[in-house]
C-alpha atoms as a PDB file:
ATOM      1  CA  MET A   1       0.000   0.000   0.000  1.00  0.00           C
ATOM      2  CA  THR A   2       1.157   3.502  -0.858  1.00  0.00           C
ATOM      3  CA  SER A   3       0.451   6.028   1.897  1.00  0.00           C
ATOM      4  CA  VAL A   4      -0.525   9.490   0.622  1.00  0.00           C
ATOM      5  CA  PHE A   5      -0.530  12.759   2.588  1.00  0.00           C
ATOM      6  CA  ILE A   6      -2.338  15.850   1.236  1.00  0.00           C
ATOM      7  CA  CYS A   7      -1.217  19.413   1.937  1.00  0.00           C
ATOM      8  CA  ASP A   8      -3.443  22.130   0.465  1.00  0.00           C
ATOM      9  CA  ASP A   9      -5.117  25.187   1.982  1.00  0.00           C
ATOM     10  CA  GLU A  10      -8.438  24.584   0.177  1.00  0.00           C
ATOM     11  CA  PRO A  11     -10.595  22.209   2.291  1.00  0.00           C
ATOM     12  CA  ASP A  12     -12.882  21.299  -0.618  1.00  0.00           C
ATOM     13  CA  TYR A  13      -9.933  20.392  -2.836  1.00  0.00           C
ATOM     14  CA  ARG A  14      -8.365  18.326  -0.038  1.00  0.00           C
ATOM     15  CA  ALA A  15     -11.675  16.466   0.275  1.00  0.00           C
ATOM     16  CA  LEU A  16     -11.699  15.712  -3.470  1.00  0.00           C
ATOM     17  CA  LEU A  17      -8.134  14.418  -3.373  1.00  0.00           C
ATOM     18  CA  ARG A  18      -8.838  12.400  -0.241  1.00  0.00           C
ATOM     19  CA  ALA A  19     -11.861  10.740  -1.865  1.00  0.00           C
ATOM     20  CA  ALA A  20      -9.778   9.844  -4.915  1.00  0.00           C
ATOM     21  CA  VAL A  21      -6.949   8.440  -2.779  1.00  0.00           C
ATOM     22  CA  GLU A  22      -9.375   6.409  -0.667  1.00  0.00           C
ATOM     23  CA  ALA A  23     -10.994   4.999  -3.833  1.00  0.00           C
ATOM     24  CA  GLU A  24      -7.676   3.588  -5.049  1.00  0.00           C
ATOM     25  CA  PRO A  25      -7.195  -0.032  -3.916  1.00  0.00           C
ATOM     26  CA  ASP A  26      -3.419   0.326  -3.541  1.00  0.00           C
ATOM     27  CA  PHE A  27      -3.398   3.754  -1.838  1.00  0.00           C
ATOM     28  CA  THR A  28      -4.095   4.617   1.768  1.00  0.00           C
ATOM     29  CA  PHE A  29      -4.852   8.095   3.121  1.00  0.00           C
ATOM     30  CA  ALA A  30      -2.122   9.109   5.588  1.00  0.00           C
ATOM     31  CA  GLY A  31      -3.457  12.518   6.637  1.00  0.00           C
ATOM     32  CA  GLU A  32      -3.821  16.129   5.582  1.00  0.00           C
ATOM     33  CA  ALA A  33      -2.810  19.669   6.436  1.00  0.00           C
ATOM     34  CA  GLY A  34      -4.127  23.086   5.495  1.00  0.00           C
ATOM     35  CA  ASN A  35      -0.844  24.987   5.486  1.00  0.00           C
ATOM     36  CA  GLY A  36       2.802  24.368   4.702  1.00  0.00           C
ATOM     37  CA  PHE A  37       4.037  24.469   8.286  1.00  0.00           C
ATOM     38  CA  GLU A  38       1.559  21.831   9.496  1.00  0.00           C
ATOM     39  CA  GLY A  39       2.251  19.785   6.370  1.00  0.00           C
ATOM     40  CA  VAL A  40       6.002  19.630   6.896  1.00  0.00           C
ATOM     41  CA  ARG A  41       5.568  18.769  10.561  1.00  0.00           C
ATOM     42  CA  ALA A  42       3.061  15.983   9.834  1.00  0.00           C
ATOM     43  CA  VAL A  43       5.059  14.511   6.942  1.00  0.00           C
ATOM     44  CA  ALA A  44       8.182  14.457   9.113  1.00  0.00           C
ATOM     45  CA  GLU A  45       6.240  12.567  11.789  1.00  0.00           C
ATOM     46  CA  LEU A  46       4.254  10.206   9.551  1.00  0.00           C
ATOM     47  CA  GLN A  47       6.860   9.571   6.806  1.00  0.00           C
ATOM     48  CA  PRO A  48       4.244   8.833   4.094  1.00  0.00           C
ATOM     49  CA  ASP A  49       5.255   7.372   0.750  1.00  0.00           C
ATOM     50  CA  VAL A  50       3.839  10.384  -1.143  1.00  0.00           C
ATOM     51  CA  VAL A  51       2.872  13.964  -0.347  1.00  0.00           C
ATOM     52  CA  LEU A  52       0.553  15.931  -2.644  1.00  0.00           C
ATOM     53  CA  LEU A  53       1.499  19.550  -2.050  1.00  0.00           C
ATOM     54  CA  ASP A  54       0.042  22.861  -3.215  1.00  0.00           C
ATOM     55  CA  LEU A  55       2.390  25.799  -3.775  1.00  0.00           C
ATOM     56  CA  THR A  56       0.201  28.668  -2.568  1.00  0.00           C
ATOM     57  CA  MET A  57      -0.434  28.142   1.138  1.00  0.00           C
ATOM     58  CA  PRO A  58      -0.422  30.205   4.317  1.00  0.00           C
ATOM     59  CA  GLU A  59       2.243  30.083   7.041  1.00  0.00           C
ATOM     60  CA  LEU A  60       4.817  28.367   4.804  1.00  0.00           C
ATOM     61  CA  ASP A  61       4.557  28.407   1.031  1.00  0.00           C
ATOM     62  CA  GLY A  62       4.823  25.268  -1.052  1.00  0.00           C
ATOM     63  CA  LEU A  63       8.402  25.818  -2.204  1.00  0.00           C
ATOM     64  CA  ASP A  64       9.647  26.168   1.366  1.00  0.00           C
ATOM     65  CA  ALA A  65       7.472  23.224   2.408  1.00  0.00           C
ATOM     66  CA  LEU A  66       9.015  21.138  -0.388  1.00  0.00           C
ATOM     67  CA  MET A  67      12.487  21.845   0.938  1.00  0.00           C
ATOM     68  CA  GLY A  68      11.383  21.006   4.481  1.00  0.00           C
ATOM     69  CA  VAL A  69       9.824  17.707   3.411  1.00  0.00           C
ATOM     70  CA  ARG A  70      12.915  16.822   1.360  1.00  0.00           C
ATOM     71  CA  LYS A  71      15.109  17.423   4.407  1.00  0.00           C
ATOM     72  CA  LEU A  72      12.921  15.809   7.105  1.00  0.00           C
ATOM     73  CA  SER A  73      11.412  12.957   5.082  1.00  0.00           C
ATOM     74  CA  PRO A  74      13.809  12.322   2.197  1.00  0.00           C
ATOM     75  CA  GLU A  75      12.170   9.048   1.124  1.00  0.00           C
ATOM     76  CA  THR A  76       8.764  10.696   0.667  1.00  0.00           C
ATOM     77  CA  ILE A  77       7.918  11.336  -2.974  1.00  0.00           C
ATOM     78  CA  ARG A  78       6.993  14.987  -3.385  1.00  0.00           C
ATOM     79  CA  VAL A  79       4.237  15.801  -5.893  1.00  0.00           C
ATOM     80  CA  VAL A  80       3.309  19.423  -6.517  1.00  0.00           C
ATOM     81  CA  VAL A  81      -0.369  19.865  -7.427  1.00  0.00           C
ATOM     82  CA  THR A  82      -0.944  23.507  -8.265  1.00  0.00           C
ATOM     83  CA  GLY A  83      -2.851  26.001 -10.359  1.00  0.00           C
ATOM     84  CA  HIS A  84       0.412  27.663 -11.408  1.00  0.00           C
ATOM     85  CA  ARG A  85       1.478  26.626 -14.885  1.00  0.00           C
ATOM     86  CA  SER A  86       4.521  28.701 -15.754  1.00  0.00           C
ATOM     87  CA  ALA A  87       7.823  27.115 -16.708  1.00  0.00           C
ATOM     88  CA  TRP A  88       9.495  29.228 -14.018  1.00  0.00           C
ATOM     89  CA  VAL A  89       7.259  27.810 -11.275  1.00  0.00           C
ATOM     90  CA  ARG A  90       7.861  24.286 -12.575  1.00  0.00           C
ATOM     91  CA  GLY A  91      11.618  24.871 -12.533  1.00  0.00           C
ATOM     92  CA  GLU A  92      11.551  26.360  -9.036  1.00  0.00           C
ATOM     93  CA  SER A  93       9.484  23.405  -7.832  1.00  0.00           C
ATOM     94  CA  GLN A  94      11.956  20.917  -9.272  1.00  0.00           C
ATOM     95  CA  ALA A  95      14.869  22.834  -7.743  1.00  0.00           C
ATOM     96  CA  ALA A  96      13.110  22.734  -4.355  1.00  0.00           C
ATOM     97  CA  GLY A  97      12.714  18.967  -4.577  1.00  0.00           C
ATOM     98  CA  ALA A  98       9.508  18.153  -6.474  1.00  0.00           C
ATOM     99  CA  ASP A  99       9.520  14.705  -8.032  1.00  0.00           C
ATOM    100  CA  LEU A 100       6.433  15.454 -10.110  1.00  0.00           C
ATOM    101  CA  PHE A 101       4.601  18.649 -11.093  1.00  0.00           C
ATOM    102  CA  LEU A 102       0.845  18.364 -11.804  1.00  0.00           C
ATOM    103  CA  SER A 103      -1.934  20.825 -12.555  1.00  0.00           C
ATOM    104  CA  LYS A 104      -5.061  21.254 -10.460  1.00  0.00           C
ATOM    105  CA  ASP A 105      -6.896  21.173 -13.791  1.00  0.00           C
ATOM    106  CA  MET A 106      -6.375  17.395 -13.765  1.00  0.00           C
ATOM    107  CA  SER A 107      -9.061  15.247 -12.210  1.00  0.00           C
ATOM    108  CA  PRO A 108      -8.182  13.757  -8.805  1.00  0.00           C
ATOM    109  CA  THR A 109      -8.370  10.311 -10.431  1.00  0.00           C
ATOM    110  CA  ASP A 110      -5.800  11.356 -13.055  1.00  0.00           C
ATOM    111  CA  ILE A 111      -3.577  12.742 -10.291  1.00  0.00           C
ATOM    112  CA  CYS A 112      -3.683   9.348  -8.569  1.00  0.00           C
ATOM    113  CA  ARG A 113      -2.895   7.668 -11.897  1.00  0.00           C
ATOM    114  CA  ALA A 114       0.138   9.946 -12.411  1.00  0.00           C
ATOM    115  CA  VAL A 115       1.370   9.158  -8.890  1.00  0.00           C
ATOM    116  CA  ARG A 116       0.955   5.428  -9.539  1.00  0.00           C
ATOM    117  CA  GLU A 117       2.949   5.738 -12.784  1.00  0.00           C
ATOM    118  CA  LEU A 118       5.727   7.581 -10.950  1.00  0.00           C
ATOM    119  CA  MET A 119       5.774   4.918  -8.246  1.00  0.00           C
ATOM    120  CA  GLY A 120       6.064   2.227 -10.937  1.00  0.00           C
ATOM    121  CA  GLU A 121       8.968   4.020 -12.591  1.00  0.00           C
ATOM    122  CA  ARG A 122      10.761   4.261  -9.249  1.00  0.00           C
ATOM    123  CA  GLU A 123      10.354   0.528  -8.650  1.00  0.00           C
ATOM    124  CA  LEU A 124      11.987  -0.225 -12.005  1.00  0.00           C
ATOM    125  CA  VAL A 125      15.159   1.668 -11.082  1.00  0.00           C
END
């Protein structure tokens, strides 16, 4: 089972992602946070397999949260799920430690599918 943690400041969007994660037979919901600070703290404690992380959040933005997760939970796969689409934001996310960059325009089911594909690629290495 792949444990997934969700960090996004929009409660409705977290609920959509949580429902999608819980519907996947090989995923388990590890928890959620509404800001970057709480997210980093919880990921460090829980050490989930994957964190789905928004970039625009209060208390600690997503780029800083990415760096915190990378430092405190280096084995956790870091997936940015954001409304920002610019190449600069994508590059900054990758530099901060994102393993995958996805758009909030994707359906939650497609986000889970992309995470599963990334997990499969990692297992092949």
